[in-house]
Structures are given as structure tokens and as C-alpha cells.
Protein backbone atom coordinates (compact mmCIF):
# COMPACT_ATOMS: atom_id res chain seq x y z
CA MET A 1 24.13 29.53 3.88
CA THR A 2 24.41 28.32 7.37
CA ILE A 3 23.69 29.40 11.20
CA GLU A 4 26.39 29.77 12.66
CA ALA A 5 26.54 29.84 16.85
CA ARG A 6 29.15 30.01 19.44
CA PHE A 7 28.64 30.31 23.30
CA ARG A 8 30.21 29.55 26.42
CA ILE A 9 28.25 29.61 29.38
CA ASP A 10 29.30 28.90 32.75
CA ARG A 11 26.93 28.33 35.56
CA ASP A 12 27.71 26.83 39.20
CA ASP A 13 26.53 23.61 38.29
CA PHE A 14 26.68 23.26 34.47
CA SER A 15 28.54 24.87 31.22
CA LEU A 16 27.60 25.07 27.67
CA ASP A 17 30.41 25.27 25.13
CA VAL A 18 29.63 24.79 21.65
CA ASP A 19 30.87 26.22 18.34
CA LEU A 20 28.45 24.84 15.44
CA SER A 21 27.27 25.36 12.05
CA VAL A 22 24.12 23.90 10.59
CA PRO A 23 22.26 24.32 7.60
CA SER A 24 19.90 27.32 7.34
CA ARG A 25 17.05 25.35 6.06
CA GLY A 26 15.35 22.29 7.04
CA ILE A 27 14.93 21.10 10.33
CA THR A 28 17.93 20.46 12.73
CA ALA A 29 17.15 18.33 16.02
CA LEU A 30 19.11 19.05 19.00
CA PHE A 31 19.31 15.71 20.74
CA GLY A 32 20.46 14.11 23.94
CA PRO A 33 19.98 13.22 27.48
CA SER A 34 18.14 15.72 30.15
CA GLY A 35 20.15 18.25 31.38
CA CYS A 36 22.74 18.35 28.38
CA GLY A 37 22.44 21.92 27.82
CA LYS A 38 19.70 21.47 24.29
CA THR A 39 17.09 24.60 25.95
CA THR A 40 19.92 26.59 27.19
CA LEU A 41 21.29 26.57 23.45
CA LEU A 42 18.28 27.29 22.16
CA ARG A 43 17.72 30.23 24.55
CA ALA A 44 21.01 31.64 23.93
CA ILE A 45 20.07 31.55 20.21
CA ALA A 46 16.85 33.21 21.07
CA GLY A 47 18.63 36.19 23.11
CA LEU A 48 16.74 35.34 26.05
CA GLU A 49 20.35 34.63 27.61
CA TYR A 50 23.27 37.22 27.14
CA HIS A 51 27.09 36.35 27.48
CA HIS A 52 29.13 38.76 26.39
CA ASP A 53 31.38 36.37 24.11
CA GLY A 54 28.74 34.64 22.45
CA PHE A 55 28.37 34.73 18.23
CA LEU A 56 25.53 34.09 16.21
CA LYS A 57 24.91 34.48 12.66
CA VAL A 58 21.73 33.28 10.77
CA GLY A 59 22.30 33.35 6.99
CA ASP A 60 23.87 36.77 6.17
CA ARG A 61 22.60 38.44 9.34
CA THR A 62 25.01 38.77 12.65
CA TRP A 63 22.83 38.69 15.81
CA GLN A 64 25.46 38.82 18.16
CA ASP A 65 29.38 39.16 18.17
CA SER A 66 31.96 41.24 19.98
CA ASP A 67 30.29 44.28 18.70
CA CYS A 68 26.46 44.07 18.63
CA PHE A 69 23.75 42.35 20.03
CA VAL A 70 20.52 42.06 18.49
CA PRO A 71 17.79 41.88 21.83
CA PRO A 72 15.04 39.15 21.49
CA TYR A 73 12.55 41.48 20.65
CA ARG A 74 14.08 42.23 17.44
CA ARG A 75 15.25 38.82 16.29
CA PRO A 76 13.42 37.71 13.64
CA LEU A 77 12.19 34.48 14.89
CA GLY A 78 9.60 32.56 16.15
CA TYR A 79 9.82 30.43 19.52
CA VAL A 80 7.39 27.20 20.21
CA PHE A 81 7.51 26.35 24.25
CA GLN A 82 6.57 22.75 25.03
CA GLU A 83 3.51 24.65 26.59
CA ALA A 84 1.77 26.82 23.97
CA SER A 85 1.57 29.91 26.45
CA LEU A 86 -1.60 31.27 24.67
CA PHE A 87 -3.24 34.25 26.29
CA ALA A 88 -6.50 33.07 28.00
CA HIS A 89 -8.67 36.04 27.40
CA LEU A 90 -7.98 36.21 23.63
CA THR A 91 -9.47 34.10 20.88
CA VAL A 92 -7.06 32.17 18.78
CA ARG A 93 -7.62 34.74 16.13
CA ARG A 94 -6.40 37.74 18.47
CA ASN A 95 -3.70 35.23 20.06
CA LEU A 96 -2.72 35.19 16.28
CA GLU A 97 -2.88 38.55 15.59
CA TYR A 98 -0.61 39.24 18.44
CA GLY A 99 2.77 40.51 17.56
CA ILE A 100 2.11 41.04 13.39
CA LYS A 101 1.81 44.56 13.76
CA ARG A 102 5.53 45.16 14.71
CA VAL A 103 6.78 43.30 11.48
CA PRO A 104 6.81 45.82 8.36
CA ALA A 105 4.34 44.76 5.58
CA ALA A 106 7.55 44.59 3.35
CA GLU A 107 9.36 41.73 5.74
CA ARG A 108 5.95 39.46 6.09
CA LYS A 109 6.89 36.57 4.14
CA VAL A 110 3.71 34.14 5.86
CA SER A 111 0.74 35.55 5.61
CA LEU A 112 -1.75 35.04 8.62
CA GLN A 113 -4.34 33.11 6.21
CA GLN A 114 -1.18 30.74 5.10
CA ALA A 115 -0.25 30.05 8.99
CA ILE A 116 -4.01 29.33 9.33
CA GLU A 117 -4.12 26.69 6.64
CA LEU A 118 -0.68 25.26 7.10
CA LEU A 119 -1.70 24.02 10.62
CA GLY A 120 -5.38 23.38 9.99
CA ILE A 121 -6.94 25.79 12.53
CA GLY A 122 -9.64 27.97 10.37
CA HIS A 123 -12.74 26.51 12.44
CA LEU A 124 -10.83 27.10 15.63
CA LEU A 125 -10.58 31.01 15.28
CA GLU A 126 -13.28 32.20 17.33
CA ARG A 127 -12.67 29.81 20.48
CA ARG A 128 -10.66 30.86 23.47
CA PRO A 129 -7.57 28.56 24.55
CA ALA A 130 -9.74 26.94 27.69
CA ARG A 131 -11.85 25.05 24.51
CA LEU A 132 -9.03 23.83 22.62
CA SER A 133 -7.35 20.08 23.04
CA GLY A 134 -4.01 20.21 23.80
CA GLY A 135 -2.85 19.33 20.42
CA GLU A 136 -5.11 22.55 19.18
CA ARG A 137 -3.46 24.92 21.61
CA GLN A 138 -0.02 23.61 20.42
CA ARG A 139 -1.18 23.80 16.50
CA VAL A 140 -2.07 27.77 17.31
CA ALA A 141 1.08 28.36 18.89
CA ILE A 142 3.01 27.40 16.12
CA ALA A 143 0.91 29.49 13.87
CA ARG A 144 1.33 32.06 16.00
CA SER A 145 4.97 31.69 15.64
CA LEU A 146 4.70 31.56 11.65
CA ALA A 147 2.58 34.80 11.47
CA VAL A 148 5.45 36.97 12.38
CA SER A 149 7.43 35.45 9.22
CA PRO A 150 10.34 34.75 11.21
CA ARG A 151 13.73 33.83 9.35
CA LEU A 152 14.31 30.96 12.27
CA LEU A 153 12.04 29.13 13.88
CA LEU A 154 12.69 27.47 17.27
CA MET A 155 10.87 24.74 18.60
CA ASP A 156 11.85 23.56 22.40
CA GLU A 157 9.99 19.77 22.75
CA PRO A 158 6.72 20.98 21.60
CA LEU A 159 5.47 17.66 21.94
CA ALA A 160 6.37 16.61 25.18
CA ALA A 161 3.42 17.52 27.02
CA LEU A 162 1.05 15.89 24.89
CA ASP A 163 -0.35 12.06 24.81
CA VAL A 164 0.45 9.54 22.12
CA ASN A 165 -2.43 10.46 20.37
CA ARG A 166 -2.37 14.19 20.06
CA LYS A 167 1.51 13.67 19.04
CA GLN A 168 0.44 11.76 16.22
CA GLU A 169 -2.08 14.63 15.27
CA ILE A 170 0.19 17.33 15.65
CA LEU A 171 3.29 15.51 13.72
CA PRO A 172 1.92 15.84 10.40
CA TYR A 173 1.48 19.73 10.69
CA ILE A 174 5.26 19.83 11.70
CA GLU A 175 6.04 18.27 8.80
CA SER A 176 4.29 20.71 6.54
CA LEU A 177 6.73 23.24 7.88
CA HIS A 178 9.94 21.60 5.95
CA ASN A 179 7.63 20.84 2.85
CA ASP A 180 5.67 23.79 2.50
CA LEU A 181 8.16 26.79 4.25
CA ASP A 182 11.33 27.65 3.81
CA ILE A 183 12.21 28.51 7.46
CA PRO A 184 14.81 27.12 8.82
CA VAL A 185 13.72 25.24 12.27
CA ILE A 186 15.90 23.99 15.34
CA TYR A 187 13.87 21.75 17.08
CA VAL A 188 15.03 20.26 20.84
CA SER A 189 13.74 16.71 21.30
CA HIS A 190 14.90 13.64 23.13
CA SER A 191 12.42 11.10 21.49
CA PRO A 192 14.17 9.12 18.99
CA ASP A 193 10.88 8.82 17.22
CA GLU A 194 10.39 12.37 16.71
CA VAL A 195 14.09 13.04 15.39
CA ALA A 196 13.89 10.03 12.78
CA ARG A 197 10.50 11.60 11.41
CA LEU A 198 11.17 15.13 11.45
CA ALA A 199 15.02 15.92 11.38
CA ASP A 200 17.07 16.62 8.47
CA HIS A 201 20.24 17.49 10.10
CA LEU A 202 21.43 16.06 13.88
CA VAL A 203 23.22 17.72 16.85
CA LEU A 204 24.21 15.57 19.58
CA LEU A 205 24.87 17.05 22.75
CA GLU A 206 26.63 15.86 25.86
CA ALA A 207 27.19 17.42 29.28
CA GLY A 208 27.05 20.87 27.25
CA ARG A 209 28.99 19.78 24.54
CA VAL A 210 28.51 18.79 20.81
CA THR A 211 29.68 15.44 20.57
CA ALA A 212 28.68 15.06 16.55
CA SER A 213 26.75 17.16 13.87
CA GLY A 214 25.60 16.28 10.40
CA ALA A 215 23.09 14.77 8.06
CA ILE A 216 20.55 12.70 10.06
CA SER A 217 21.07 9.30 7.70
CA ASP A 218 24.81 9.81 8.46
CA MET A 219 24.76 10.44 12.14
CA LEU A 220 22.55 7.05 12.36
CA THR A 221 24.46 4.63 10.99
CA ARG A 222 28.00 6.13 11.82
CA LEU A 223 29.67 3.34 14.37
CA ASP A 224 31.72 5.88 16.10
CA LEU A 225 28.35 6.91 17.24
CA PRO A 226 26.01 5.19 20.26
CA LEU A 227 23.11 5.67 17.97
CA ALA A 228 24.07 3.03 15.36
CA HIS A 229 24.67 0.46 18.52
CA GLY A 230 22.17 -1.40 20.34
CA SER A 231 18.36 -2.88 19.57
CA ASP A 232 17.28 0.45 18.27
CA ALA A 233 19.64 1.24 15.78
CA GLU A 234 18.13 2.02 12.31
CA ALA A 235 18.90 3.35 8.72
CA LEU A 236 16.54 6.34 7.24
CA ILE A 237 16.37 6.16 3.75
CA GLU A 238 14.46 8.85 1.32
CA ALA A 239 12.54 7.03 -1.35
CA THR A 240 10.10 8.14 -3.73
CA VAL A 241 6.75 5.97 -4.85
CA ALA A 242 7.17 4.60 -7.85
CA GLY A 243 3.69 2.83 -8.40
CA HIS A 244 1.39 0.39 -6.99
CA ASP A 245 0.82 -3.57 -7.63
CA GLU A 246 -2.90 -3.55 -7.61
CA ALA A 247 -3.13 -7.20 -7.83
CA TYR A 248 -1.30 -7.71 -4.59
CA HIS A 249 -1.93 -4.56 -3.22
CA LEU A 250 1.51 -3.44 -2.53
CA THR A 251 3.38 0.28 -3.28
CA HIS A 252 6.69 0.23 -4.69
CA LEU A 253 9.32 2.82 -3.28
CA ASP A 254 12.33 3.64 -5.28
CA PHE A 255 15.76 4.96 -3.90
CA THR A 256 19.03 5.07 -5.57
CA GLY A 257 20.19 1.37 -3.91
CA GLY A 258 16.82 -0.07 -5.65
CA ARG A 259 13.13 -0.70 -5.03
CA PHE A 260 11.52 -1.52 -1.56
CA THR A 261 8.10 -2.98 -1.89
CA VAL A 262 5.59 -2.52 1.00
CA VAL A 263 2.17 -3.52 1.73
CA ARG A 264 -0.05 -0.51 -0.14
CA LYS A 265 -0.04 2.62 1.01
CA GLU A 266 -2.14 5.50 -0.38
CA LEU A 267 0.30 7.76 -1.88
CA PRO A 268 0.48 9.40 -4.80
CA VAL A 269 3.06 8.19 -7.61
CA GLY A 270 5.55 10.59 -7.59
CA SER A 271 5.51 11.77 -3.72
CA ALA A 272 9.03 11.48 -1.39
CA VAL A 273 8.84 9.49 1.69
CA ARG A 274 10.91 8.58 4.19
CA LEU A 275 11.63 4.79 5.50
CA ARG A 276 12.95 3.11 8.86
CA VAL A 277 14.89 0.47 8.35
CA ALA A 278 16.11 -1.20 11.76
CA ALA A 279 19.51 -2.88 11.98
CA ARG A 280 17.82 -6.02 13.61
CA ASP A 281 15.50 -6.75 10.40
CA VAL A 282 18.54 -6.98 8.34
CA SER A 283 20.13 -10.24 7.56
CA LEU A 284 23.17 -10.98 5.23
CA THR A 285 23.83 -13.33 2.33
CA LEU A 286 26.60 -13.76 -0.12
CA GLU A 287 24.36 -14.69 -2.86
CA TRP A 288 21.04 -13.75 -4.09
CA GLN A 289 18.41 -15.61 -2.42
CA SER A 290 15.56 -17.31 -4.16
CA GLY A 291 12.71 -19.10 -2.70
CA THR A 292 12.30 -16.04 0.31
CA SER A 293 9.39 -14.44 1.53
CA ILE A 294 11.42 -11.26 1.76
CA LEU A 295 10.96 -8.89 -0.86
CA ASN A 296 13.40 -6.66 -0.42
CA ILE A 297 16.91 -7.74 -0.96
CA PHE A 298 19.74 -5.29 -1.99
CA PRO A 299 23.27 -5.81 -3.39
CA ALA A 300 25.44 -3.81 -0.91
CA ILE A 301 29.12 -3.61 -0.01
CA VAL A 302 30.49 -3.38 3.73
CA ASP A 303 31.66 -0.37 4.53
CA GLU A 304 32.81 -0.78 8.18
CA VAL A 305 32.30 -4.11 10.93
CA ILE A 306 32.50 -3.15 14.75
CA ALA A 307 31.63 -5.42 17.63
CA ASP A 308 28.34 -4.63 19.42
CA GLY A 309 28.78 -6.41 22.82
CA GLU A 310 30.24 -9.99 23.27
CA ALA A 311 27.94 -11.67 20.94
CA ARG A 312 26.71 -9.50 18.31
CA MET A 313 28.39 -7.37 15.35
CA THR A 314 27.10 -4.17 13.72
CA VAL A 315 27.89 -3.76 10.15
CA ARG A 316 27.74 -0.75 8.12
CA LEU A 317 26.62 -0.96 4.40
CA MET A 318 26.36 1.00 1.50
CA VAL A 319 23.58 0.41 -0.85
CA GLY A 320 23.79 2.27 -4.02
CA GLY A 321 25.48 5.01 -1.70
CA VAL A 322 22.95 4.87 1.16
CA PRO A 323 24.36 3.80 4.39
CA MET A 324 22.25 0.44 5.74
CA LEU A 325 22.82 -1.55 9.34
CA ALA A 326 22.71 -4.72 9.76
CA ARG A 327 23.35 -6.26 13.50
CA ILE A 328 24.23 -10.05 13.21
CA THR A 329 25.93 -12.39 15.68
CA ARG A 330 29.70 -12.57 15.86
CA LYS A 331 29.71 -16.01 14.44
CA SER A 332 27.46 -14.91 11.29
CA ALA A 333 30.35 -12.24 10.47
CA SER A 334 32.95 -14.82 10.86
CA VAL A 335 31.04 -17.50 8.72
CA LEU A 336 30.50 -14.83 6.58
CA GLY A 337 33.94 -13.43 6.12
CA LEU A 338 32.44 -9.88 6.42
CA LYS A 339 35.16 -7.05 6.04
CA ALA A 340 35.44 -3.65 4.32
CA GLY A 341 34.83 -3.71 0.43
CA LYS A 342 32.92 -7.04 0.44
CA LEU A 343 29.92 -7.58 -1.82
CA VAL A 344 26.79 -8.97 0.32
CA TYR A 345 23.16 -8.71 0.11
CA ALA A 346 21.43 -6.95 2.42
CA GLN A 347 17.81 -8.42 3.39
CA ALA A 348 15.55 -6.16 4.92
CA LYS A 349 12.90 -8.03 6.57
CA SER A 350 10.56 -5.20 8.11
CA VAL A 351 10.48 -1.32 6.78
CA ALA A 352 8.47 1.49 8.51
CA LEU A 353 7.00 4.39 6.63
CA LEU A 354 7.53 7.37 8.62
CA SER A 355 6.08 10.11 6.46
């Protein structure tokens, strides 16, 4: 099932024109520069902005078309803003209870207690917002949105107002929405790090238009998109903890293209993780190398090669069906004779574990 949205919104200084279909599960990130229309699209989905020719269907329910418009207060959704917007005169418990009464008992899929436990705020229930940190307030705001059992959760840069430490505090709780609840999330951000860690699906917006949309692992490695170019280009790889090497304090992470070995992480065997491999940290050889300090070496097929400036090339590789990028010099590409279909060996000098 999908979430289908079509909106055309014209203003004096801005126009939003989107026709979009995204999965109705997991986290979909809306990503793009400031002013590209991310928040306007989110508000249109919430029904906060009405435009007569809009269309919105969430799963099997139509919330807007030419014949109907479900007002915001009747849409079963949660909305988390940049600021927590809690009621200052109410305790955390009372803030959480607000709004639940309008949800019929038969439609309550997330209990109040479940929301409290999921966001780890049980010890905060009798406090008022003034006595909470920024990260705690935002966790309460997310729990409040979940407590109304939404069919869709909208999050508009929920970490923008937090410092680095508070962001790191709250990110695992947002990840838990993905892992523990079957509620689709549309997440607005202009932070590449947040998107890489959280998103399953990525929508790129520019000047009010959707430039591309797809699974994040594909979007980050498409050479026709800007994300695959420059020093920050990277690939995301889903892997599973296969075991630990106690003698050398290492952890083995398996994916369809082979096995990564990283410095030991205290993770249970069988748990799912997401890896980030920067294109600048991948070198290529024509033969398997021995006598090297690099542990992560994989046979790969060159999928595409494209210039990235005057001196560099970006190479898209397929490693057991998983896309990976390498950023090398034009001379190296020439010496190796790189072209689509060629067998090479990808050496990942550094790997970052995101979750």
C-alpha cells in the first residue's frame, strides 16, 4: 500500500507542484534546501492548507479529492513540529492525555503506556514542560502524537532546535518508531546525517518540485543525482550482526555482498544494523590484495562511471547486488580501464555504524 499525494499550490513568490507516491510503511524523508517546499507539502498532507485540486490517499482511505476534504481534526495523524508546543500549564501526563479522548476505543492501536515506554518518559510524567530539557520536551511531543494512534505521523524537522548532544539523545527513540510500530512516518529534514540514519525512502525536493524519489540506498548512489557526487558521497548498507571475534575485539557484519569486520560493537548476534561507507574511503584494484591492513575487501562489478569535476571520477559498483560508490582520480580510472561490467575489488578503508 502507498501514500499518494498530488498538490498544486501557487503563491506570489512560490509554487508547489508535486505528484508523489511513497510507501505506507517505514520512514520517508523529504529532503532539500530551505524554501524548496518541504513544510508546505507536509502542511498540505495534514490538511492545514486547503487547495481545491489537491488529492491525498493514505492506504485505502482518501482524505482529499475533488469530492471530499477531511478536515485536519478528523485526520488520524500525528504532527511533530520543530518546537514541542506542549501546554505549559499541564503536566507531561496531562499533555499526553490531551486528544486521546477523541480517538474511539476501537481505533486505539497505540496505548498511552506503550507511547510512554517507547519514548522512555515514564519518570517525567508529573513534571511540567518548564522542568524538561529540550530533548525531553521533544520526546514528550512525539509520545503525544503517538498516543492518538495515528495512521500517519508527520515530523517537521523535530531535531532542528536541539544541540548536538540532545539530537544524539533523541535519535534512537525516533529509530524505535520504525522498529516497533507499523506507522508510516513522513520526516522533513535538511540534515544529511539524520536522513542517512533514519530514512527508508527518500524524496528530493527543489523549487517546489520532486526531482527524484526512491529507496534511500538507491537514491544516494544514483549518479544522475547530486547526492552521489562530491566529498560527502556515500552508500548505505543494511547488514546483520554475524558474530564477534573475542581475540581481536572485532565484530562481523554480514550483507548480501560479503562480510564487514569492524571494531567490536556490543550488539547481539542477529540484530540488524545500517552501515555508511563513504565513497572517498573506497579504493579499487583489479586483483585481490594480500598483505594489506584493509580488512573489508569485496568482489564488485562496475555499474557506471561518471566524471566528478576535472580530476575525479565517481564509480558506482554492485557488490552482491548492493550499490556502493568509489571516488577516485581520473588517472586511476584510466589505468584500471574501468567500464560498465568490469570485475574489480572494492576496498573499504573505513566503515561507520549508524544503528
